[in-house]
Amino acid sequence: MAIRQILRRSLSNERRSVEVPKGHLAVYVGEGEKKRFVIPLSYLNHHLFQELLFQAEEEFGFHHPMGGITIPCSEDLFIDLTSRLIRA
């Protein structure tokens, strides 16, 4: 299964309340248009992902405009990082 299929949950502009499975977290990623990804909570313990969370805190504080954690990096960088976490 492709990494994008594992991570990405599509959202229509009309419906933003897609259920997140137990043990997962929705995050928004992108430098312009934000895309929604659903990730396992276990990623939160990994030092590479914690660096992204630190960057999110630096940029947004605790106010995330999308209503969930917004990570200020490119979609490609996020996919690359999470693909490394899947293999770890």
PDB file of N, CA and C in Angstrom:
ATOM      1  N   MET A   1       0.845  -1.179   0.000  1.00  0.00           N
ATOM      2  CA  MET A   1       0.000   0.000   0.000  1.00  0.00           C
ATOM      3  C   MET A   1       0.891   1.243   0.000  1.00  0.00           C
ATOM      4  N   ALA A   2       0.570   2.221  -0.803  1.00  0.00           N
ATOM      5  CA  ALA A   2       1.362   3.436  -0.909  1.00  0.00           C
ATOM      6  C   ALA A   2       1.255   4.259   0.362  1.00  0.00           C
ATOM      7  N   ILE A   3       2.332   4.964   0.694  1.00  0.00           N
ATOM      8  CA  ILE A   3       2.365   5.773   1.906  1.00  0.00           C
ATOM      9  C   ILE A   3       1.273   6.826   1.910  1.00  0.00           C
ATOM     10  N   ARG A   4       0.994   7.401   0.753  1.00  0.00           N
ATOM     11  CA  ARG A   4      -0.072   8.413   0.689  1.00  0.00           C
ATOM     12  C   ARG A   4      -1.425   7.807   1.035  1.00  0.00           C
ATOM     13  N   GLN A   5      -1.655   6.564   0.639  1.00  0.00           N
ATOM     14  CA  GLN A   5      -2.922   5.914   0.957  1.00  0.00           C
ATOM     15  C   GLN A   5      -3.017   5.611   2.436  1.00  0.00           C
ATOM     16  N   ILE A   6      -1.893   5.298   3.060  1.00  0.00           N
ATOM     17  CA  ILE A   6      -1.902   5.000   4.485  1.00  0.00           C
ATOM     18  C   ILE A   6      -2.207   6.259   5.285  1.00  0.00           C
ATOM     19  N   LEU A   7      -1.607   7.378   4.893  1.00  0.00           N
ATOM     20  CA  LEU A   7      -1.693   8.593   5.695  1.00  0.00           C
ATOM     21  C   LEU A   7      -2.873   9.495   5.367  1.00  0.00           C
ATOM     22  N   ARG A   8      -3.214   9.599   4.107  1.00  0.00           N
ATOM     23  CA  ARG A   8      -4.152  10.634   3.700  1.00  0.00           C
ATOM     24  C   ARG A   8      -5.601  10.227   3.893  1.00  0.00           C
ATOM     25  N   ARG A   9      -6.359  11.107   4.426  1.00  0.00           N
ATOM     26  CA  ARG A   9      -7.809  10.987   4.480  1.00  0.00           C
ATOM     27  C   ARG A   9      -8.338  12.189   3.726  1.00  0.00           C
ATOM     28  N   SER A  10      -9.076  11.967   2.695  1.00  0.00           N
ATOM     29  CA  SER A  10      -9.561  13.106   1.927  1.00  0.00           C
ATOM     30  C   SER A  10     -10.711  13.777   2.646  1.00  0.00           C
ATOM     31  N   LEU A  11     -10.769  15.057   2.463  1.00  0.00           N
ATOM     32  CA  LEU A  11     -11.839  15.862   3.036  1.00  0.00           C
ATOM     33  C   LEU A  11     -12.431  16.707   1.927  1.00  0.00           C
ATOM     34  N   SER A  12     -13.716  16.758   1.871  1.00  0.00           N
ATOM     35  CA  SER A  12     -14.329  17.691   0.936  1.00  0.00           C
ATOM     36  C   SER A  12     -14.418  19.034   1.650  1.00  0.00           C
ATOM     37  N   ASN A  13     -14.545  20.082   0.901  1.00  0.00           N
ATOM     38  CA  ASN A  13     -14.680  21.402   1.515  1.00  0.00           C
ATOM     39  C   ASN A  13     -15.982  21.518   2.294  1.00  0.00           C
ATOM     40  N   GLU A  14     -16.965  20.713   1.943  1.00  0.00           N
ATOM     41  CA  GLU A  14     -18.261  20.799   2.596  1.00  0.00           C
ATOM     42  C   GLU A  14     -18.308  20.021   3.901  1.00  0.00           C
ATOM     43  N   ARG A  15     -17.536  18.943   3.996  1.00  0.00           N
ATOM     44  CA  ARG A  15     -17.639  18.074   5.168  1.00  0.00           C
ATOM     45  C   ARG A  15     -16.270  17.883   5.785  1.00  0.00           C
ATOM     46  N   ARG A  16     -16.054  18.463   6.933  1.00  0.00           N
ATOM     47  CA  ARG A  16     -14.761  18.392   7.599  1.00  0.00           C
ATOM     48  C   ARG A  16     -14.785  17.501   8.825  1.00  0.00           C
ATOM     49  N   SER A  17     -15.829  16.766   9.052  1.00  0.00           N
ATOM     50  CA  SER A  17     -15.924  15.965  10.268  1.00  0.00           C
ATOM     51  C   SER A  17     -15.771  14.475   9.965  1.00  0.00           C
ATOM     52  N   VAL A  18     -14.686  14.110   9.299  1.00  0.00           N
ATOM     53  CA  VAL A  18     -14.403  12.711   9.043  1.00  0.00           C
ATOM     54  C   VAL A  18     -13.869  12.110  10.339  1.00  0.00           C
ATOM     55  N   GLU A  19     -14.402  10.984  10.713  1.00  0.00           N
ATOM     56  CA  GLU A  19     -14.022  10.357  11.965  1.00  0.00           C
ATOM     57  C   GLU A  19     -12.568   9.896  11.939  1.00  0.00           C
ATOM     58  N   VAL A  20     -11.899  10.092  13.071  1.00  0.00           N
ATOM     59  CA  VAL A  20     -10.516   9.662  13.225  1.00  0.00           C
ATOM     60  C   VAL A  20     -10.536   8.361  14.024  1.00  0.00           C
ATOM     61  N   PRO A  21      -9.896   7.296  13.525  1.00  0.00           N
ATOM     62  CA  PRO A  21      -9.910   6.017  14.239  1.00  0.00           C
ATOM     63  C   PRO A  21      -9.225   6.132  15.601  1.00  0.00           C
ATOM     64  N   LYS A  22      -9.650   5.303  16.515  1.00  0.00           N
ATOM     65  CA  LYS A  22      -9.049   5.265  17.843  1.00  0.00           C
ATOM     66  C   LYS A  22      -7.546   4.994  17.694  1.00  0.00           C
ATOM     67  N   GLY A  23      -6.746   5.719  18.493  1.00  0.00           N
ATOM     68  CA  GLY A  23      -5.306   5.543  18.439  1.00  0.00           C
ATOM     69  C   GLY A  23      -4.634   6.367  17.353  1.00  0.00           C
ATOM     70  N   HIS A  24      -5.369   7.275  16.728  1.00  0.00           N
ATOM     71  CA  HIS A  24      -4.843   8.116  15.655  1.00  0.00           C
ATOM     72  C   HIS A  24      -5.156   9.583  15.935  1.00  0.00           C
ATOM     73  N   LEU A  25      -4.523  10.456  15.177  1.00  0.00           N
ATOM     74  CA  LEU A  25      -4.676  11.896  15.323  1.00  0.00           C
ATOM     75  C   LEU A  25      -4.692  12.529  13.939  1.00  0.00           C
ATOM     76  N   ALA A  26      -5.577  13.478  13.739  1.00  0.00           N
ATOM     77  CA  ALA A  26      -5.607  14.214  12.478  1.00  0.00           C
ATOM     78  C   ALA A  26      -4.687  15.419  12.591  1.00  0.00           C
ATOM     79  N   VAL A  27      -3.857  15.618  11.570  1.00  0.00           N
ATOM     80  CA  VAL A  27      -2.998  16.799  11.488  1.00  0.00           C
ATOM     81  C   VAL A  27      -3.179  17.416  10.106  1.00  0.00           C
ATOM     82  N   TYR A  28      -2.882  18.706  10.017  1.00  0.00           N
ATOM     83  CA  TYR A  28      -2.983  19.429   8.756  1.00  0.00           C
ATOM     84  C   TYR A  28      -1.576  19.847   8.343  1.00  0.00           C
ATOM     85  N   VAL A  29      -1.238  19.590   7.091  1.00  0.00           N
ATOM     86  CA  VAL A  29       0.125  19.777   6.612  1.00  0.00           C
ATOM     87  C   VAL A  29       0.104  20.592   5.327  1.00  0.00           C
ATOM     88  N   GLY A  30       1.056  21.481   5.196  1.00  0.00           N
ATOM     89  CA  GLY A  30       1.204  22.215   3.952  1.00  0.00           C
ATOM     90  C   GLY A  30       1.650  23.631   4.197  1.00  0.00           C
ATOM     91  N   GLU A  31       2.251  24.196   3.180  1.00  0.00           N
ATOM     92  CA  GLU A  31       2.723  25.565   3.275  1.00  0.00           C
ATOM     93  C   GLU A  31       1.691  26.545   2.751  1.00  0.00           C
ATOM     94  N   GLY A  32       0.883  26.124   1.828  1.00  0.00           N
ATOM     95  CA  GLY A  32      -0.211  26.948   1.302  1.00  0.00           C
ATOM     96  C   GLY A  32      -1.514  26.282   1.701  1.00  0.00           C
ATOM     97  N   GLU A  33      -2.078  25.565   0.746  1.00  0.00           N
ATOM     98  CA  GLU A  33      -3.286  24.789   1.030  1.00  0.00           C
ATOM     99  C   GLU A  33      -2.925  23.635   1.960  1.00  0.00           C
ATOM    100  N   LYS A  34      -3.702  23.468   3.004  1.00  0.00           N
ATOM    101  CA  LYS A  34      -3.430  22.428   3.996  1.00  0.00           C
ATOM    102  C   LYS A  34      -4.148  21.142   3.609  1.00  0.00           C
ATOM    103  N   LYS A  35      -3.450  20.027   3.798  1.00  0.00           N
ATOM    104  CA  LYS A  35      -4.042  18.709   3.564  1.00  0.00           C
ATOM    105  C   LYS A  35      -4.116  17.981   4.891  1.00  0.00           C
ATOM    106  N   ARG A  36      -5.143  17.196   5.044  1.00  0.00           N
ATOM    107  CA  ARG A  36      -5.375  16.474   6.291  1.00  0.00           C
ATOM    108  C   ARG A  36      -4.783  15.073   6.196  1.00  0.00           C
ATOM    109  N   PHE A  37      -4.028  14.696   7.229  1.00  0.00           N
ATOM    110  CA  PHE A  37      -3.464  13.363   7.349  1.00  0.00           C
ATOM    111  C   PHE A  37      -3.895  12.790   8.687  1.00  0.00           C
ATOM    112  N   VAL A  38      -4.098  11.498   8.718  1.00  0.00           N
ATOM    113  CA  VAL A  38      -4.413  10.803   9.965  1.00  0.00           C
ATOM    114  C   VAL A  38      -3.212   9.920  10.280  1.00  0.00           C
ATOM    115  N   ILE A  39      -2.626  10.165  11.445  1.00  0.00           N
ATOM    116  CA  ILE A  39      -1.398   9.463  11.823  1.00  0.00           C
ATOM    117  C   ILE A  39      -1.603   8.689  13.122  1.00  0.00           C
ATOM    118  N   PRO A  40      -0.832   7.638  13.336  1.00  0.00           N
ATOM    119  CA  PRO A  40      -0.905   6.915  14.611  1.00  0.00           C
ATOM    120  C   PRO A  40      -0.361   7.785  15.749  1.00  0.00           C
ATOM    121  N   LEU A  41      -0.960   7.684  16.927  1.00  0.00           N
ATOM    122  CA  LEU A  41      -0.488   8.438  18.080  1.00  0.00           C
ATOM    123  C   LEU A  41       0.957   8.095  18.440  1.00  0.00           C
ATOM    124  N   SER A  42       1.406   6.901  18.093  1.00  0.00           N
ATOM    125  CA  SER A  42       2.774   6.491  18.412  1.00  0.00           C
ATOM    126  C   SER A  42       3.814   7.419  17.778  1.00  0.00           C
ATOM    127  N   TYR A  43       3.473   8.108  16.689  1.00  0.00           N
ATOM    128  CA  TYR A  43       4.400   9.038  16.058  1.00  0.00           C
ATOM    129  C   TYR A  43       4.782  10.172  17.004  1.00  0.00           C
ATOM    130  N   LEU A  44       3.896  10.512  17.924  1.00  0.00           N
ATOM    131  CA  LEU A  44       4.144  11.634  18.829  1.00  0.00           C
ATOM    132  C   LEU A  44       5.362  11.398  19.717  1.00  0.00           C
ATOM    133  N   ASN A  45       5.738  10.146  19.912  1.00  0.00           N
ATOM    134  CA  ASN A  45       6.886   9.816  20.754  1.00  0.00           C
ATOM    135  C   ASN A  45       8.212   9.839  20.007  1.00  0.00           C
ATOM    136  N   HIS A  46       8.189   9.928  18.705  1.00  0.00           N
ATOM    137  CA  HIS A  46       9.416   9.867  17.910  1.00  0.00           C
ATOM    138  C   HIS A  46      10.058  11.256  17.825  1.00  0.00           C
ATOM    139  N   HIS A  47      11.381  11.309  18.003  1.00  0.00           N
ATOM    140  CA  HIS A  47      12.073  12.601  18.034  1.00  0.00           C
ATOM    141  C   HIS A  47      11.937  13.388  16.730  1.00  0.00           C
ATOM    142  N   LEU A  48      11.876  12.725  15.585  1.00  0.00           N
ATOM    143  CA  LEU A  48      11.696  13.442  14.320  1.00  0.00           C
ATOM    144  C   LEU A  48      10.334  14.127  14.259  1.00  0.00           C
ATOM    145  N   PHE A  49       9.308  13.432  14.724  1.00  0.00           N
ATOM    146  CA  PHE A  49       7.976  14.026  14.702  1.00  0.00           C
ATOM    147  C   PHE A  49       7.864  15.123  15.763  1.00  0.00           C
ATOM    148  N   GLN A  50       8.532  14.941  16.891  1.00  0.00           N
ATOM    149  CA  GLN A  50       8.510  15.964  17.929  1.00  0.00           C
ATOM    150  C   GLN A  50       9.128  17.266  17.436  1.00  0.00           C
ATOM    151  N   GLU A  51      10.102  17.163  16.541  1.00  0.00           N
ATOM    152  CA  GLU A  51      10.681  18.369  15.949  1.00  0.00           C
ATOM    153  C   GLU A  51       9.640  19.117  15.116  1.00  0.00           C
ATOM    154  N   LEU A  52       8.819  18.389  14.376  1.00  0.00           N
ATOM    155  CA  LEU A  52       7.736  19.035  13.616  1.00  0.00           C
ATOM    156  C   LEU A  52       6.745  19.707  14.561  1.00  0.00           C
ATOM    157  N   LEU A  53       6.442  19.051  15.673  1.00  0.00           N
ATOM    158  CA  LEU A  53       5.520  19.641  16.654  1.00  0.00           C
ATOM    159  C   LEU A  53       6.111  20.912  17.268  1.00  0.00           C
ATOM    160  N   PHE A  54       7.411  20.910  17.506  1.00  0.00           N
ATOM    161  CA  PHE A  54       8.069  22.102  18.022  1.00  0.00           C
ATOM    162  C   PHE A  54       7.953  23.247  17.010  1.00  0.00           C
ATOM    163  N   GLN A  55       8.157  22.947  15.733  1.00  0.00           N
ATOM    164  CA  GLN A  55       8.017  23.965  14.692  1.00  0.00           C
ATOM    165  C   GLN A  55       6.587  24.495  14.634  1.00  0.00           C
ATOM    166  N   ALA A  56       5.621  23.600  14.805  1.00  0.00           N
ATOM    167  CA  ALA A  56       4.216  24.018  14.812  1.00  0.00           C
ATOM    168  C   ALA A  56       3.945  24.952  15.988  1.00  0.00           C
ATOM    169  N   GLU A  57       4.509  24.625  17.148  1.00  0.00           N
ATOM    170  CA  GLU A  57       4.331  25.476  18.324  1.00  0.00           C
ATOM    171  C   GLU A  57       4.962  26.846  18.095  1.00  0.00           C
ATOM    172  N   GLU A  58       6.151  26.865  17.499  1.00  0.00           N
ATOM    173  CA  GLU A  58       6.845  28.120  17.217  1.00  0.00           C
ATOM    174  C   GLU A  58       6.008  29.019  16.291  1.00  0.00           C
ATOM    175  N   GLU A  59       5.392  28.403  15.284  1.00  0.00           N
ATOM    176  CA  GLU A  59       4.657  29.194  14.291  1.00  0.00           C
ATOM    177  C   GLU A  59       3.242  29.548  14.735  1.00  0.00           C
ATOM    178  N   PHE A  60       2.547  28.598  15.352  1.00  0.00           N
ATOM    179  CA  PHE A  60       1.136  28.802  15.653  1.00  0.00           C
ATOM    180  C   PHE A  60       0.816  28.921  17.142  1.00  0.00           C
ATOM    181  N   GLY A  61       1.764  28.617  18.015  1.00  0.00           N
ATOM    182  CA  GLY A  61       1.443  28.573  19.444  1.00  0.00           C
ATOM    183  C   GLY A  61       0.416  27.480  19.665  1.00  0.00           C
ATOM    184  N   PHE A  62      -0.599  27.788  20.403  1.00  0.00           N
ATOM    185  CA  PHE A  62      -1.649  26.807  20.645  1.00  0.00           C
ATOM    186  C   PHE A  62      -2.917  27.141  19.859  1.00  0.00           C
ATOM    187  N   HIS A  63      -2.819  28.093  18.946  1.00  0.00           N
ATOM    188  CA  HIS A  63      -3.951  28.442  18.082  1.00  0.00           C
ATOM    189  C   HIS A  63      -3.675  27.877  16.695  1.00  0.00           C
ATOM    190  N   HIS A  64      -4.394  26.838  16.355  1.00  0.00           N
ATOM    191  CA  HIS A  64      -4.226  26.223  15.039  1.00  0.00           C
ATOM    192  C   HIS A  64      -5.464  26.540  14.210  1.00  0.00           C
ATOM    193  N   PRO A  65      -5.290  27.299  13.149  1.00  0.00           N
ATOM    194  CA  PRO A  65      -6.423  27.799  12.371  1.00  0.00           C
ATOM    195  C   PRO A  65      -7.319  26.722  11.763  1.00  0.00           C
ATOM    196  N   MET A  66      -6.804  25.511  11.562  1.00  0.00           N
ATOM    197  CA  MET A  66      -7.606  24.452  10.947  1.00  0.00           C
ATOM    198  C   MET A  66      -8.442  23.697  11.978  1.00  0.00           C
ATOM    199  N   GLY A  67      -8.259  23.994  13.263  1.00  0.00           N
ATOM    200  CA  GLY A  67      -9.012  23.294  14.293  1.00  0.00           C
ATOM    201  C   GLY A  67      -8.308  22.047  14.804  1.00  0.00           C
ATOM    202  N   GLY A  68      -7.210  21.696  14.202  1.00  0.00           N
ATOM    203  CA  GLY A  68      -6.377  20.576  14.622  1.00  0.00           C
ATOM    204  C   GLY A  68      -4.937  21.018  14.531  1.00  0.00           C
ATOM    205  N   ILE A  69      -4.011  20.159  14.867  1.00  0.00           N
ATOM    206  CA  ILE A  69      -2.605  20.537  14.803  1.00  0.00           C
ATOM    207  C   ILE A  69      -2.211  20.800  13.354  1.00  0.00           C
ATOM    208  N   THR A  70      -1.665  21.976  13.119  1.00  0.00           N
ATOM    209  CA  THR A  70      -1.198  22.356  11.795  1.00  0.00           C
ATOM    210  C   THR A  70       0.316  22.302  11.797  1.00  0.00           C
ATOM    211  N   ILE A  71       0.885  21.548  10.880  1.00  0.00           N
ATOM    212  CA  ILE A  71       2.336  21.374  10.811  1.00  0.00           C
ATOM    213  C   ILE A  71       2.864  22.167   9.612  1.00  0.00           C
ATOM    214  N   PRO A  72       3.747  23.144   9.889  1.00  0.00           N
ATOM    215  CA  PRO A  72       4.220  24.040   8.831  1.00  0.00           C
ATOM    216  C   PRO A  72       5.389  23.460   8.038  1.00  0.00           C
ATOM    217  N   CYS A  73       5.107  22.479   7.201  1.00  0.00           N
ATOM    218  CA  CYS A  73       6.131  21.940   6.315  1.00  0.00           C
ATOM    219  C   CYS A  73       5.448  21.502   5.029  1.00  0.00           C
ATOM    220  N   SER A  74       6.244  21.193   4.035  1.00  0.00           N
ATOM    221  CA  SER A  74       5.657  20.758   2.766  1.00  0.00           C
ATOM    222  C   SER A  74       5.075  19.350   2.921  1.00  0.00           C
ATOM    223  N   GLU A  75       4.114  19.065   2.078  1.00  0.00           N
ATOM    224  CA  GLU A  75       3.495  17.738   2.087  1.00  0.00           C
ATOM    225  C   GLU A  75       4.540  16.661   1.777  1.00  0.00           C
ATOM    226  N   ASP A  76       5.439  16.935   0.843  1.00  0.00           N
ATOM    227  CA  ASP A  76       6.482  15.962   0.486  1.00  0.00           C
ATOM    228  C   ASP A  76       7.411  15.665   1.659  1.00  0.00           C
ATOM    229  N   LEU A  77       7.822  16.697   2.395  1.00  0.00           N
ATOM    230  CA  LEU A  77       8.673  16.497   3.567  1.00  0.00           C
ATOM    231  C   LEU A  77       7.958  15.665   4.620  1.00  0.00           C
ATOM    232  N   PHE A  78       6.682  15.958   4.849  1.00  0.00           N
ATOM    233  CA  PHE A  78       5.896  15.222   5.833  1.00  0.00           C
ATOM    234  C   PHE A  78       5.776  13.746   5.439  1.00  0.00           C
ATOM    235  N   ILE A  79       5.504  13.481   4.182  1.00  0.00           N
ATOM    236  CA  ILE A  79       5.376  12.101   3.705  1.00  0.00           C
ATOM    237  C   ILE A  79       6.707  11.369   3.827  1.00  0.00           C
ATOM    238  N   ASP A  80       7.793  12.053   3.494  1.00  0.00           N
ATOM    239  CA  ASP A  80       9.119  11.445   3.628  1.00  0.00           C
ATOM    240  C   ASP A  80       9.401  11.085   5.096  1.00  0.00           C
ATOM    241  N   LEU A  81       9.149  12.016   5.994  1.00  0.00           N
ATOM    242  CA  LEU A  81       9.400  11.766   7.409  1.00  0.00           C
ATOM    243  C   LEU A  81       8.534  10.630   7.941  1.00  0.00           C
ATOM    244  N   THR A  82       7.256  10.659   7.642  1.00  0.00           N
ATOM    245  CA  THR A  82       6.371   9.611   8.172  1.00  0.00           C
ATOM    246  C   THR A  82       6.661   8.260   7.542  1.00  0.00           C
ATOM    247  N   SER A  83       7.157   8.250   6.303  1.00  0.00           N
ATOM    248  CA  SER A  83       7.523   6.961   5.696  1.00  0.00           C
ATOM    249  C   SER A  83       8.714   6.355   6.433  1.00  0.00           C
ATOM    250  N   ARG A  84       9.622   7.197   6.927  1.00  0.00           N
ATOM    251  CA  ARG A  84      10.740   6.706   7.739  1.00  0.00           C
ATOM    252  C   ARG A  84      10.230   6.164   9.085  1.00  0.00           C
ATOM    253  N   LEU A  85       9.214   6.786   9.641  1.00  0.00           N
ATOM    254  CA  LEU A  85       8.658   6.315  10.912  1.00  0.00           C
ATOM    255  C   LEU A  85       7.967   4.975  10.736  1.00  0.00           C
ATOM    256  N   ILE A  86       7.325   4.759   9.599  1.00  0.00           N
ATOM    257  CA  ILE A  86       6.646   3.491   9.336  1.00  0.00           C
ATOM    258  C   ILE A  86       7.672   2.353   9.261  1.00  0.00           C
ATOM    259  N   ARG A  87       8.809   2.638   8.635  1.00  0.00           N
ATOM    260  CA  ARG A  87       9.849   1.609   8.495  1.00  0.00           C
ATOM    261  C   ARG A  87      10.602   1.342   9.790  1.00  0.00           C
ATOM    262  N   ALA A  88      10.558   2.307  10.720  1.00  0.00           N
ATOM    263  CA  ALA A  88      11.322   2.150  11.983  1.00  0.00           C
ATOM    264  C   ALA A  88      10.699   1.140  12.912  1.00  0.00           C
TER     265      ALA A  88
END
